[in-house]
mmCIF file of all heavy atoms, coordinates in Angstrom:
data_MODEL
# 
_entry.id   MODEL 
# 
loop_
_atom_site.group_PDB 
_atom_site.id 
_atom_site.type_symbol 
_atom_site.label_atom_id 
_atom_site.label_alt_id 
_atom_site.label_comp_id 
_atom_site.label_asym_id 
_atom_site.label_entity_id 
_atom_site.label_seq_id 
_atom_site.pdbx_PDB_ins_code 
_atom_site.Cartn_x 
_atom_site.Cartn_y 
_atom_site.Cartn_z 
_atom_site.occupancy 
_atom_site.B_iso_or_equiv 
_atom_site.pdbx_formal_charge 
_atom_site.auth_seq_id 
_atom_site.auth_comp_id 
_atom_site.auth_asym_id 
_atom_site.auth_atom_id 
_atom_site.pdbx_PDB_model_num 
ATOM 1   N N   . ASP A 1 1  ? 3.919   2.067  14.061  1.00 0.00 ? 1  ASP A N   1 
ATOM 2   C CA  . ASP A 1 1  ? 5.284   1.715  13.589  1.00 0.00 ? 1  ASP A CA  1 
ATOM 3   C C   . ASP A 1 1  ? 5.471   1.624  12.084  1.00 0.00 ? 1  ASP A C   1 
ATOM 4   O O   . ASP A 1 1  ? 4.379   1.559  11.394  1.00 0.00 ? 1  ASP A O   1 
ATOM 5   C CB  . ASP A 1 1  ? 5.821   0.454  14.292  1.00 0.00 ? 1  ASP A CB  1 
ATOM 6   C CG  . ASP A 1 1  ? 5.293   -0.844 13.834  1.00 0.00 ? 1  ASP A CG  1 
ATOM 7   O OD1 . ASP A 1 1  ? 5.078   -0.958 12.603  1.00 0.00 ? 1  ASP A OD1 1 
ATOM 8   O OD2 . ASP A 1 1  ? 5.051   -1.729 14.612  1.00 0.00 ? 1  ASP A OD2 1 
ATOM 9   N N   . ALA A 1 2  ? 6.644   1.587  11.575  1.00 0.00 ? 2  ALA A N   1 
ATOM 10  C CA  . ALA A 1 2  ? 6.877   1.669  10.127  1.00 0.00 ? 2  ALA A CA  1 
ATOM 11  C C   . ALA A 1 2  ? 6.123   0.505  9.331   1.00 0.00 ? 2  ALA A C   1 
ATOM 12  O O   . ALA A 1 2  ? 5.614   0.669  8.218   1.00 0.00 ? 2  ALA A O   1 
ATOM 13  C CB  . ALA A 1 2  ? 8.254   1.676  9.852   1.00 0.00 ? 2  ALA A CB  1 
ATOM 14  N N   . ARG A 1 3  ? 6.231   -0.672 9.887   1.00 0.00 ? 3  ARG A N   1 
ATOM 15  C CA  . ARG A 1 3  ? 5.611   -1.897 9.208   1.00 0.00 ? 3  ARG A CA  1 
ATOM 16  C C   . ARG A 1 3  ? 4.106   -1.670 9.069   1.00 0.00 ? 3  ARG A C   1 
ATOM 17  O O   . ARG A 1 3  ? 3.582   -1.929 7.992   1.00 0.00 ? 3  ARG A O   1 
ATOM 18  C CB  . ARG A 1 3  ? 5.882   -3.115 9.984   1.00 0.00 ? 3  ARG A CB  1 
ATOM 19  C CG  . ARG A 1 3  ? 7.395   -3.604 9.859   1.00 0.00 ? 3  ARG A CG  1 
ATOM 20  C CD  . ARG A 1 3  ? 7.596   -4.809 10.670  1.00 0.00 ? 3  ARG A CD  1 
ATOM 21  N NE  . ARG A 1 3  ? 7.327   -4.421 12.082  1.00 0.00 ? 3  ARG A NE  1 
ATOM 22  C CZ  . ARG A 1 3  ? 7.284   -5.284 13.105  1.00 0.00 ? 3  ARG A CZ  1 
ATOM 23  N NH1 . ARG A 1 3  ? 7.634   -6.553 12.821  1.00 0.00 ? 3  ARG A NH1 1 
ATOM 24  N NH2 . ARG A 1 3  ? 6.999   -4.918 14.259  1.00 0.00 ? 3  ARG A NH2 1 
ATOM 25  N N   . GLU A 1 4  ? 3.461   -1.212 10.117  1.00 0.00 ? 4  GLU A N   1 
ATOM 26  C CA  . GLU A 1 4  ? 1.965   -1.028 10.099  1.00 0.00 ? 4  GLU A CA  1 
ATOM 27  C C   . GLU A 1 4  ? 1.644   0.102  9.112   1.00 0.00 ? 4  GLU A C   1 
ATOM 28  O O   . GLU A 1 4  ? 0.647   0.037  8.412   1.00 0.00 ? 4  GLU A O   1 
ATOM 29  C CB  . GLU A 1 4  ? 1.460   -0.726 11.442  1.00 0.00 ? 4  GLU A CB  1 
ATOM 30  C CG  . GLU A 1 4  ? 1.514   -1.952 12.378  1.00 0.00 ? 4  GLU A CG  1 
ATOM 31  C CD  . GLU A 1 4  ? 1.031   -1.691 13.796  1.00 0.00 ? 4  GLU A CD  1 
ATOM 32  O OE1 . GLU A 1 4  ? 1.087   -0.470 14.181  1.00 0.00 ? 4  GLU A OE1 1 
ATOM 33  O OE2 . GLU A 1 4  ? 0.700   -2.535 14.563  1.00 0.00 ? 4  GLU A OE2 1 
ATOM 34  N N   . LEU A 1 5  ? 2.453   1.110  9.074   1.00 0.00 ? 5  LEU A N   1 
ATOM 35  C CA  . LEU A 1 5  ? 2.258   2.325  8.187   1.00 0.00 ? 5  LEU A CA  1 
ATOM 36  C C   . LEU A 1 5  ? 2.366   1.837  6.742   1.00 0.00 ? 5  LEU A C   1 
ATOM 37  O O   . LEU A 1 5  ? 1.452   2.200  5.910   1.00 0.00 ? 5  LEU A O   1 
ATOM 38  C CB  . LEU A 1 5  ? 3.237   3.385  8.462   1.00 0.00 ? 5  LEU A CB  1 
ATOM 39  C CG  . LEU A 1 5  ? 3.206   4.583  7.550   1.00 0.00 ? 5  LEU A CG  1 
ATOM 40  C CD1 . LEU A 1 5  ? 1.854   5.249  7.516   1.00 0.00 ? 5  LEU A CD1 1 
ATOM 41  C CD2 . LEU A 1 5  ? 4.336   5.558  7.834   1.00 0.00 ? 5  LEU A CD2 1 
ATOM 42  N N   . LYS A 1 6  ? 3.394   1.054  6.404   1.00 0.00 ? 6  LYS A N   1 
ATOM 43  C CA  . LYS A 1 6  ? 3.568   0.534  5.029   1.00 0.00 ? 6  LYS A CA  1 
ATOM 44  C C   . LYS A 1 6  ? 2.406   -0.339 4.647   1.00 0.00 ? 6  LYS A C   1 
ATOM 45  O O   . LYS A 1 6  ? 1.962   -0.230 3.521   1.00 0.00 ? 6  LYS A O   1 
ATOM 46  C CB  . LYS A 1 6  ? 4.901   -0.201 4.881   1.00 0.00 ? 6  LYS A CB  1 
ATOM 47  C CG  . LYS A 1 6  ? 6.054   0.765  4.811   1.00 0.00 ? 6  LYS A CG  1 
ATOM 48  C CD  . LYS A 1 6  ? 7.393   -0.031 4.530   1.00 0.00 ? 6  LYS A CD  1 
ATOM 49  C CE  . LYS A 1 6  ? 8.530   0.887  4.408   1.00 0.00 ? 6  LYS A CE  1 
ATOM 50  N NZ  . LYS A 1 6  ? 9.729   0.190  4.024   1.00 0.00 ? 6  LYS A NZ  1 
ATOM 51  N N   . ARG A 1 7  ? 1.987   -1.085 5.461   1.00 0.00 ? 7  ARG A N   1 
ATOM 52  C CA  . ARG A 1 7  ? 0.830   -1.993 5.291   1.00 0.00 ? 7  ARG A CA  1 
ATOM 53  C C   . ARG A 1 7  ? -0.377  -1.231 4.960   1.00 0.00 ? 7  ARG A C   1 
ATOM 54  O O   . ARG A 1 7  ? -1.109  -1.548 4.070   1.00 0.00 ? 7  ARG A O   1 
ATOM 55  C CB  . ARG A 1 7  ? 0.672   -2.964 6.515   1.00 0.00 ? 7  ARG A CB  1 
ATOM 56  C CG  . ARG A 1 7  ? -0.171  -4.197 6.172   1.00 0.00 ? 7  ARG A CG  1 
ATOM 57  C CD  . ARG A 1 7  ? -0.155  -5.209 7.361   1.00 0.00 ? 7  ARG A CD  1 
ATOM 58  N NE  . ARG A 1 7  ? 1.198   -5.670 7.575   1.00 0.00 ? 7  ARG A NE  1 
ATOM 59  C CZ  . ARG A 1 7  ? 1.788   -5.765 8.681   1.00 0.00 ? 7  ARG A CZ  1 
ATOM 60  N NH1 . ARG A 1 7  ? 1.265   -5.330 9.787   1.00 0.00 ? 7  ARG A NH1 1 
ATOM 61  N NH2 . ARG A 1 7  ? 3.024   -6.249 8.775   1.00 0.00 ? 7  ARG A NH2 1 
ATOM 62  N N   . ALA A 1 8  ? -0.692  -0.269 5.798   1.00 0.00 ? 8  ALA A N   1 
ATOM 63  C CA  . ALA A 1 8  ? -1.886  0.606  5.621   1.00 0.00 ? 8  ALA A CA  1 
ATOM 64  C C   . ALA A 1 8  ? -1.810  1.379  4.288   1.00 0.00 ? 8  ALA A C   1 
ATOM 65  O O   . ALA A 1 8  ? -2.757  1.548  3.581   1.00 0.00 ? 8  ALA A O   1 
ATOM 66  C CB  . ALA A 1 8  ? -2.051  1.589  6.830   1.00 0.00 ? 8  ALA A CB  1 
ATOM 67  N N   . LEU A 1 9  ? -0.651  1.926  3.967   1.00 0.00 ? 9  LEU A N   1 
ATOM 68  C CA  . LEU A 1 9  ? -0.465  2.651  2.818   1.00 0.00 ? 9  LEU A CA  1 
ATOM 69  C C   . LEU A 1 9  ? -0.683  1.729  1.516   1.00 0.00 ? 9  LEU A C   1 
ATOM 70  O O   . LEU A 1 9  ? -1.236  2.088  0.561   1.00 0.00 ? 9  LEU A O   1 
ATOM 71  C CB  . LEU A 1 9  ? 0.948   3.281  2.698   1.00 0.00 ? 9  LEU A CB  1 
ATOM 72  C CG  . LEU A 1 9  ? 1.138   4.468  3.663   1.00 0.00 ? 9  LEU A CG  1 
ATOM 73  C CD1 . LEU A 1 9  ? 2.668   4.944  3.652   1.00 0.00 ? 9  LEU A CD1 1 
ATOM 74  C CD2 . LEU A 1 9  ? 0.302   5.701  3.160   1.00 0.00 ? 9  LEU A CD2 1 
ATOM 75  N N   . ALA A 1 10 ? -0.139  0.455  1.705   1.00 0.00 ? 10 ALA A N   1 
ATOM 76  C CA  . ALA A 1 10 ? -0.253  -0.445 0.583   1.00 0.00 ? 10 ALA A CA  1 
ATOM 77  C C   . ALA A 1 10 ? -1.792  -0.745 0.277   1.00 0.00 ? 10 ALA A C   1 
ATOM 78  O O   . ALA A 1 10 ? -2.181  -0.796 -0.869  1.00 0.00 ? 10 ALA A O   1 
ATOM 79  C CB  . ALA A 1 10 ? 0.504   -1.743 0.878   1.00 0.00 ? 10 ALA A CB  1 
ATOM 80  N N   . VAL A 1 11 ? -2.549  -0.936 1.437   1.00 0.00 ? 11 VAL A N   1 
ATOM 81  C CA  . VAL A 1 11 ? -3.952  -1.180 1.237   1.00 0.00 ? 11 VAL A CA  1 
ATOM 82  C C   . VAL A 1 11 ? -4.658  0.004  0.637   1.00 0.00 ? 11 VAL A C   1 
ATOM 83  O O   . VAL A 1 11 ? -5.463  -0.178 -0.337  1.00 0.00 ? 11 VAL A O   1 
ATOM 84  C CB  . VAL A 1 11 ? -4.526  -1.540 2.590   1.00 0.00 ? 11 VAL A CB  1 
ATOM 85  C CG1 . VAL A 1 11 ? -6.108  -1.696 2.408   1.00 0.00 ? 11 VAL A CG1 1 
ATOM 86  C CG2 . VAL A 1 11 ? -4.025  -2.906 3.039   1.00 0.00 ? 11 VAL A CG2 1 
ATOM 87  N N   . LYS A 1 12 ? -4.255  1.206  1.105   1.00 0.00 ? 12 LYS A N   1 
ATOM 88  C CA  . LYS A 1 12 ? -4.945  2.421  0.620   1.00 0.00 ? 12 LYS A CA  1 
ATOM 89  C C   . LYS A 1 12 ? -4.613  2.546  -0.901  1.00 0.00 ? 12 LYS A C   1 
ATOM 90  O O   . LYS A 1 12 ? -5.514  2.866  -1.682  1.00 0.00 ? 12 LYS A O   1 
ATOM 91  C CB  . LYS A 1 12 ? -4.455  3.645  1.326   1.00 0.00 ? 12 LYS A CB  1 
ATOM 92  C CG  . LYS A 1 12 ? -4.996  4.887  0.818   1.00 0.00 ? 12 LYS A CG  1 
ATOM 93  C CD  . LYS A 1 12 ? -4.503  6.158  1.579   1.00 0.00 ? 12 LYS A CD  1 
ATOM 94  C CE  . LYS A 1 12 ? -5.026  7.413  1.048   1.00 0.00 ? 12 LYS A CE  1 
ATOM 95  N NZ  . LYS A 1 12 ? -4.375  8.585  1.477   1.00 0.00 ? 12 LYS A NZ  1 
ATOM 96  N N   . MET A 1 13 ? -3.365  2.323  -1.310  1.00 0.00 ? 13 MET A N   1 
ATOM 97  C CA  . MET A 1 13 ? -2.983  2.416  -2.727  1.00 0.00 ? 13 MET A CA  1 
ATOM 98  C C   . MET A 1 13 ? -3.686  1.336  -3.587  1.00 0.00 ? 13 MET A C   1 
ATOM 99  O O   . MET A 1 13 ? -4.193  1.633  -4.675  1.00 0.00 ? 13 MET A O   1 
ATOM 100 C CB  . MET A 1 13 ? -1.504  2.279  -2.897  1.00 0.00 ? 13 MET A CB  1 
ATOM 101 C CG  . MET A 1 13 ? -0.720  3.485  -2.543  1.00 0.00 ? 13 MET A CG  1 
ATOM 102 S SD  . MET A 1 13 ? 1.050   3.524  -2.817  1.00 0.00 ? 13 MET A SD  1 
ATOM 103 C CE  . MET A 1 13 ? 1.643   2.805  -1.387  1.00 0.00 ? 13 MET A CE  1 
ATOM 104 N N   . ALA A 1 14 ? -3.898  0.137  -3.014  1.00 0.00 ? 14 ALA A N   1 
ATOM 105 C CA  . ALA A 1 14 ? -4.586  -0.944 -3.790  1.00 0.00 ? 14 ALA A CA  1 
ATOM 106 C C   . ALA A 1 14 ? -6.060  -0.470 -3.886  1.00 0.00 ? 14 ALA A C   1 
ATOM 107 O O   . ALA A 1 14 ? -6.619  -0.711 -5.016  1.00 0.00 ? 14 ALA A O   1 
ATOM 108 C CB  . ALA A 1 14 ? -4.517  -2.173 -3.038  1.00 0.00 ? 14 ALA A CB  1 
ATOM 109 N N   . LEU A 1 15 ? -6.652  0.045  -2.875  1.00 0.00 ? 15 LEU A N   1 
ATOM 110 C CA  . LEU A 1 15 ? -8.016  0.483  -3.017  1.00 0.00 ? 15 LEU A CA  1 
ATOM 111 C C   . LEU A 1 15 ? -8.176  1.630  -4.087  1.00 0.00 ? 15 LEU A C   1 
ATOM 112 O O   . LEU A 1 15 ? -9.229  1.761  -4.611  1.00 0.00 ? 15 LEU A O   1 
ATOM 113 C CB  . LEU A 1 15 ? -8.597  0.950  -1.678  1.00 0.00 ? 15 LEU A CB  1 
ATOM 114 C CG  . LEU A 1 15 ? -8.835  -0.104 -0.617  1.00 0.00 ? 15 LEU A CG  1 
ATOM 115 C CD1 . LEU A 1 15 ? -9.204  0.514  0.743   1.00 0.00 ? 15 LEU A CD1 1 
ATOM 116 C CD2 . LEU A 1 15 ? -10.047 -1.038 -1.082  1.00 0.00 ? 15 LEU A CD2 1 
ATOM 117 N N   . SER A 1 16 ? -7.157  2.384  -4.206  1.00 0.00 ? 16 SER A N   1 
ATOM 118 C CA  . SER A 1 16 ? -7.235  3.545  -5.078  1.00 0.00 ? 16 SER A CA  1 
ATOM 119 C C   . SER A 1 16 ? -6.905  3.078  -6.538  1.00 0.00 ? 16 SER A C   1 
ATOM 120 O O   . SER A 1 16 ? -6.867  3.919  -7.432  1.00 0.00 ? 16 SER A O   1 
ATOM 121 C CB  . SER A 1 16 ? -6.243  4.634  -4.628  1.00 0.00 ? 16 SER A CB  1 
ATOM 122 O OG  . SER A 1 16 ? -6.555  5.210  -3.406  1.00 0.00 ? 16 SER A OG  1 
ATOM 123 N N   . GLY A 1 17 ? -6.472  1.799  -6.666  1.00 0.00 ? 17 GLY A N   1 
ATOM 124 C CA  . GLY A 1 17 ? -6.285  1.355  -8.053  1.00 0.00 ? 17 GLY A CA  1 
ATOM 125 C C   . GLY A 1 17 ? -4.868  1.031  -8.453  1.00 0.00 ? 17 GLY A C   1 
ATOM 126 O O   . GLY A 1 17 ? -4.626  0.660  -9.611  1.00 0.00 ? 17 GLY A O   1 
ATOM 127 N N   . ASN A 1 18 ? -3.915  1.315  -7.648  1.00 0.00 ? 18 ASN A N   1 
ATOM 128 C CA  . ASN A 1 18 ? -2.567  1.013  -7.945  1.00 0.00 ? 18 ASN A CA  1 
ATOM 129 C C   . ASN A 1 18 ? -2.350  -0.538 -8.033  1.00 0.00 ? 18 ASN A C   1 
ATOM 130 O O   . ASN A 1 18 ? -2.996  -1.233 -7.252  1.00 0.00 ? 18 ASN A O   1 
ATOM 131 C CB  . ASN A 1 18 ? -1.523  1.576  -6.841  1.00 0.00 ? 18 ASN A CB  1 
ATOM 132 C CG  . ASN A 1 18 ? -1.554  3.050  -6.867  1.00 0.00 ? 18 ASN A CG  1 
ATOM 133 O OD1 . ASN A 1 18 ? -2.429  3.634  -6.211  1.00 0.00 ? 18 ASN A OD1 1 
ATOM 134 N ND2 . ASN A 1 18 ? -0.620  3.696  -7.417  1.00 0.00 ? 18 ASN A ND2 1 
ATOM 135 N N   . ILE A 1 19 ? -1.400  -0.958 -8.923  1.00 0.00 ? 19 ILE A N   1 
ATOM 136 C CA  . ILE A 1 19 ? -1.138  -2.367 -9.043  1.00 0.00 ? 19 ILE A CA  1 
ATOM 137 C C   . ILE A 1 19 ? -0.053  -2.741 -8.089  1.00 0.00 ? 19 ILE A C   1 
ATOM 138 O O   . ILE A 1 19 ? 0.723   -1.879 -7.592  1.00 0.00 ? 19 ILE A O   1 
ATOM 139 C CB  . ILE A 1 19 ? -0.791  -2.763 -10.421 1.00 0.00 ? 19 ILE A CB  1 
ATOM 140 C CG1 . ILE A 1 19 ? 0.364   -2.014 -11.008 1.00 0.00 ? 19 ILE A CG1 1 
ATOM 141 C CG2 . ILE A 1 19 ? -2.026  -2.572 -11.375 1.00 0.00 ? 19 ILE A CG2 1 
ATOM 142 C CD1 . ILE A 1 19 ? 0.830   -2.503 -12.357 1.00 0.00 ? 19 ILE A CD1 1 
ATOM 143 N N   . ASN A 1 20 ? 0.050   -4.020 -7.746  1.00 0.00 ? 20 ASN A N   1 
ATOM 144 C CA  . ASN A 1 20 ? 1.011   -4.492 -6.806  1.00 0.00 ? 20 ASN A CA  1 
ATOM 145 C C   . ASN A 1 20 ? 2.444   -4.062 -7.117  1.00 0.00 ? 20 ASN A C   1 
ATOM 146 O O   . ASN A 1 20 ? 3.223   -3.622 -6.167  1.00 0.00 ? 20 ASN A O   1 
ATOM 147 C CB  . ASN A 1 20 ? 0.971   -6.002 -6.609  1.00 0.00 ? 20 ASN A CB  1 
ATOM 148 C CG  . ASN A 1 20 ? -0.345  -6.461 -5.934  1.00 0.00 ? 20 ASN A CG  1 
ATOM 149 O OD1 . ASN A 1 20 ? -1.062  -5.662 -5.407  1.00 0.00 ? 20 ASN A OD1 1 
ATOM 150 N ND2 . ASN A 1 20 ? -0.625  -7.756 -6.115  1.00 0.00 ? 20 ASN A ND2 1 
ATOM 151 N N   . HIS A 1 21 ? 2.836   -4.155 -8.346  1.00 0.00 ? 21 HIS A N   1 
ATOM 152 C CA  . HIS A 1 21 ? 4.219   -3.769 -8.728  1.00 0.00 ? 21 HIS A CA  1 
ATOM 153 C C   . HIS A 1 21 ? 4.511   -2.272 -8.412  1.00 0.00 ? 21 HIS A C   1 
ATOM 154 O O   . HIS A 1 21 ? 5.571   -2.004 -7.835  1.00 0.00 ? 21 HIS A O   1 
ATOM 155 C CB  . HIS A 1 21 ? 4.414   -4.063 -10.179 1.00 0.00 ? 21 HIS A CB  1 
ATOM 156 C CG  . HIS A 1 21 ? 5.780   -3.761 -10.664 1.00 0.00 ? 21 HIS A CG  1 
ATOM 157 N ND1 . HIS A 1 21 ? 6.978   -4.522 -10.317 1.00 0.00 ? 21 HIS A ND1 1 
ATOM 158 C CD2 . HIS A 1 21 ? 6.338   -2.737 -11.406 1.00 0.00 ? 21 HIS A CD2 1 
ATOM 159 C CE1 . HIS A 1 21 ? 7.943   -3.943 -10.861 1.00 0.00 ? 21 HIS A CE1 1 
ATOM 160 N NE2 . HIS A 1 21 ? 7.633   -2.925 -11.520 1.00 0.00 ? 21 HIS A NE2 1 
ATOM 161 N N   . GLU A 1 22 ? 3.555   -1.413 -8.737  1.00 0.00 ? 22 GLU A N   1 
ATOM 162 C CA  . GLU A 1 22 ? 3.737   0.022  -8.429  1.00 0.00 ? 22 GLU A CA  1 
ATOM 163 C C   . GLU A 1 22 ? 3.778   0.284  -6.957  1.00 0.00 ? 22 GLU A C   1 
ATOM 164 O O   . GLU A 1 22 ? 4.665   0.939  -6.473  1.00 0.00 ? 22 GLU A O   1 
ATOM 165 C CB  . GLU A 1 22 ? 2.499   0.752  -8.927  1.00 0.00 ? 22 GLU A CB  1 
ATOM 166 C CG  . GLU A 1 22 ? 2.384   0.920  -10.376 1.00 0.00 ? 22 GLU A CG  1 
ATOM 167 C CD  . GLU A 1 22 ? 1.033   1.529  -10.843 1.00 0.00 ? 22 GLU A CD  1 
ATOM 168 O OE1 . GLU A 1 22 ? 0.013   1.461  -10.097 1.00 0.00 ? 22 GLU A OE1 1 
ATOM 169 O OE2 . GLU A 1 22 ? 1.039   2.092  -11.935 1.00 0.00 ? 22 GLU A OE2 1 
ATOM 170 N N   . ILE A 1 23 ? 2.972   -0.416 -6.146  1.00 0.00 ? 23 ILE A N   1 
ATOM 171 C CA  . ILE A 1 23 ? 2.912   -0.313 -4.750  1.00 0.00 ? 23 ILE A CA  1 
ATOM 172 C C   . ILE A 1 23 ? 4.232   -0.681 -4.061  1.00 0.00 ? 23 ILE A C   1 
ATOM 173 O O   . ILE A 1 23 ? 4.842   0.046  -3.271  1.00 0.00 ? 23 ILE A O   1 
ATOM 174 C CB  . ILE A 1 23 ? 1.788   -1.052 -4.097  1.00 0.00 ? 23 ILE A CB  1 
ATOM 175 C CG1 . ILE A 1 23 ? 0.437   -0.457 -4.545  1.00 0.00 ? 23 ILE A CG1 1 
ATOM 176 C CG2 . ILE A 1 23 ? 1.909   -1.114 -2.557  1.00 0.00 ? 23 ILE A CG2 1 
ATOM 177 C CD1 . ILE A 1 23 ? -0.807  -1.311 -4.169  1.00 0.00 ? 23 ILE A CD1 1 
ATOM 178 N N   . SER A 1 24 ? 4.769   -1.827 -4.613  1.00 0.00 ? 24 SER A N   1 
ATOM 179 C CA  . SER A 1 24 ? 6.040   -2.326 -4.043  1.00 0.00 ? 24 SER A CA  1 
ATOM 180 C C   . SER A 1 24 ? 7.199   -1.412 -4.333  1.00 0.00 ? 24 SER A C   1 
ATOM 181 O O   . SER A 1 24 ? 8.113   -1.111 -3.519  1.00 0.00 ? 24 SER A O   1 
ATOM 182 C CB  . SER A 1 24 ? 6.344   -3.730 -4.521  1.00 0.00 ? 24 SER A CB  1 
ATOM 183 O OG  . SER A 1 24 ? 6.667   -3.752 -5.955  1.00 0.00 ? 24 SER A OG  1 
# 
């Protein structure tokens, strides 16, 4: 579902070095 997808994408982006503000 969309919530789980956004959560997984946020973790992937954080692991890749994106900052929280960019991810949001």
